[in-house]
Protein backbone atom coordinates (compact mmCIF):
# COMPACT_ATOMS: atom_id res chain seq x y z
CA MET A 1 0.00 0.00 0.00
CA VAL A 2 2.95 2.28 -0.64
CA GLU A 3 0.95 4.23 -3.22
CA MET A 4 -1.53 5.23 -0.49
CA SER A 5 1.23 6.40 1.85
CA CYS A 6 3.90 9.04 1.77
CA LYS A 7 7.43 9.11 3.09
CA GLY A 8 7.20 8.82 6.85
CA ARG A 9 3.54 7.73 6.82
CA SER A 10 2.49 4.14 7.35
CA SER A 11 -0.57 2.54 5.79
CA PRO A 12 -2.46 2.69 9.12
CA THR A 13 -1.84 6.45 9.13
CA SER A 14 -3.34 6.60 5.63
CA ALA A 15 -6.22 4.48 6.92
CA GLU A 16 -7.00 7.14 9.51
CA ASN A 17 -7.82 9.42 6.56
CA CYS A 18 -9.91 6.77 4.77
CA CYS A 19 -12.06 5.38 7.56
CA GLY A 20 -15.01 7.57 8.42
CA ALA A 21 -16.50 10.15 6.07
CA GLY A 22 -13.48 12.42 5.68
CA ARG A 23 -12.36 13.68 2.29
CA TRP A 24 -13.50 10.47 0.55
CA SER A 25 -17.09 11.64 0.81
CA ARG A 26 -16.26 14.32 -1.78
CA ARG A 27 -15.02 11.90 -4.49
CA ARG A 28 -17.12 11.55 -7.63
CA CYS A 29 -18.64 8.17 -8.42
CA ASP A 30 -19.57 7.27 -11.97
CA PRO A 31 -23.27 6.38 -12.29
CA GLU A 32 -22.24 3.52 -14.62
CA ASP A 33 -19.84 1.96 -12.07
CA SER A 34 -20.68 -1.75 -11.95
CA VAL A 35 -19.91 -2.06 -8.24
CA LEU A 36 -20.43 1.32 -6.58
CA ALA A 37 -23.24 2.90 -8.62
CA GLY A 38 -25.84 1.48 -6.23
CA LEU A 39 -24.04 3.16 -3.33
CA ARG A 40 -23.60 6.50 -5.08
CA ASP A 41 -24.87 9.51 -3.17
CA PRO A 42 -27.80 11.18 -5.00
CA SER A 43 -25.66 14.33 -5.32
CA GLY A 44 -23.23 12.36 -7.51
CA THR A 45 -20.40 13.05 -5.10
CA GLY A 46 -19.34 10.36 -2.68
CA LEU A 47 -21.10 7.23 -1.54
CA THR A 48 -23.96 6.67 0.85
CA LEU A 49 -21.61 4.55 3.00
CA THR A 50 -18.21 5.37 4.49
CA TYR A 51 -15.12 3.19 4.00
CA ASP A 52 -15.42 1.81 7.52
CA GLU A 53 -19.06 0.86 6.85
CA LEU A 54 -18.01 -0.87 3.61
CA ILE A 55 -15.25 -2.75 5.45
CA LYS A 56 -17.74 -3.87 8.10
CA LYS A 57 -20.09 -5.17 5.39
CA ALA A 58 -17.36 -7.01 3.48
CA PHE A 59 -15.05 -8.49 6.12
CA ASN A 60 -15.43 -10.77 9.12
CA LYS A 61 -15.74 -8.96 12.47
CA LYS A 62 -12.58 -10.58 13.78
CA TYR A 63 -10.54 -8.37 11.42
CA TRP A 64 -11.98 -5.00 12.47
CA ARG A 65 -14.02 -5.22 15.69
CA SER A 66 -11.45 -5.17 18.49
CA ALA A 67 -11.69 -2.09 20.71
CA ALA A 68 -8.07 -2.49 21.79
CA ALA A 69 -5.59 0.04 20.41
CA ILE A 70 -2.71 -1.53 18.52
CA GLU A 71 0.85 -0.20 18.60
CA LEU A 72 2.41 -1.56 15.42
CA VAL A 73 5.97 -0.47 16.19
CA LYS A 74 7.01 -1.14 19.78
CA ASP A 75 7.49 2.04 21.83
CA SER A 76 6.46 4.27 18.89
CA GLY A 77 3.60 5.84 20.80
CA GLN A 78 1.34 5.57 17.73
CA PHE A 79 -1.76 3.50 18.36
CA TYR A 80 -4.31 2.43 15.77
CA SER A 81 -7.67 0.74 15.78
CA GLN A 82 -7.75 -2.82 14.51
CA MET A 83 -9.49 -1.58 11.36
CA GLU A 84 -6.72 0.97 10.71
CA ALA A 85 -4.00 -1.60 11.43
CA ASN A 86 -5.58 -4.02 8.93
CA PHE A 87 -6.38 -1.41 6.27
CA ALA A 88 -3.59 -2.51 3.91
CA MET A 89 -5.06 -6.03 3.97
CA PHE A 90 -8.58 -4.71 3.25
CA PHE A 91 -7.26 -2.52 0.45
CA GLY A 92 -5.18 -5.31 -1.11
CA LEU A 93 -8.02 -7.83 -1.02
CA ALA A 94 -10.47 -5.30 -2.47
CA ILE A 95 -8.10 -4.54 -5.35
CA GLN A 96 -7.56 -8.27 -5.93
CA GLN A 97 -11.31 -8.92 -6.05
CA TYR A 98 -11.83 -5.97 -8.41
CA GLU A 99 -9.08 -7.16 -10.74
CA ASN A 100 -10.73 -10.58 -10.83
CA THR A 101 -13.76 -8.92 -12.45
CA LEU A 102 -11.74 -7.45 -15.33
CA ILE A 103 -12.01 -9.26 -18.64
CA SER A 104 -9.34 -8.75 -21.24
CA ASP A 105 -10.34 -9.68 -24.75
CA ASP A 106 -7.98 -7.78 -26.99
CA ALA A 107 -4.58 -7.73 -25.30
CA LEU A 108 -1.48 -9.03 -27.09
CA PHE A 109 -1.69 -12.12 -24.85
CA ASP A 110 -5.23 -12.79 -26.09
CA ARG A 111 -4.13 -12.61 -29.73
CA GLU A 112 -1.45 -15.28 -29.44
């Protein structure tokens, strides 16, 4: 999840910005999107659900429910929720599932 982070920021830090409404509620969603169109806010901007709500719908509770704060680097003083600590896993699995829906029918590989 390097592409979601910046130098000096871990993926759980990026997750803090993604979980909850935050700036993601202002992203545009295409009305033709095969997955998210049904969750598109009527305004055309954002979704009717937040990322944390989507995670709760898609993943088993054991991966996001713990109320205990998690310190990923010992003695760092930075604590994250279980959902934030596991965000890279959620992101990676979501991308993998999305890529499984893609159908290539005219790539060089398909022509050989």
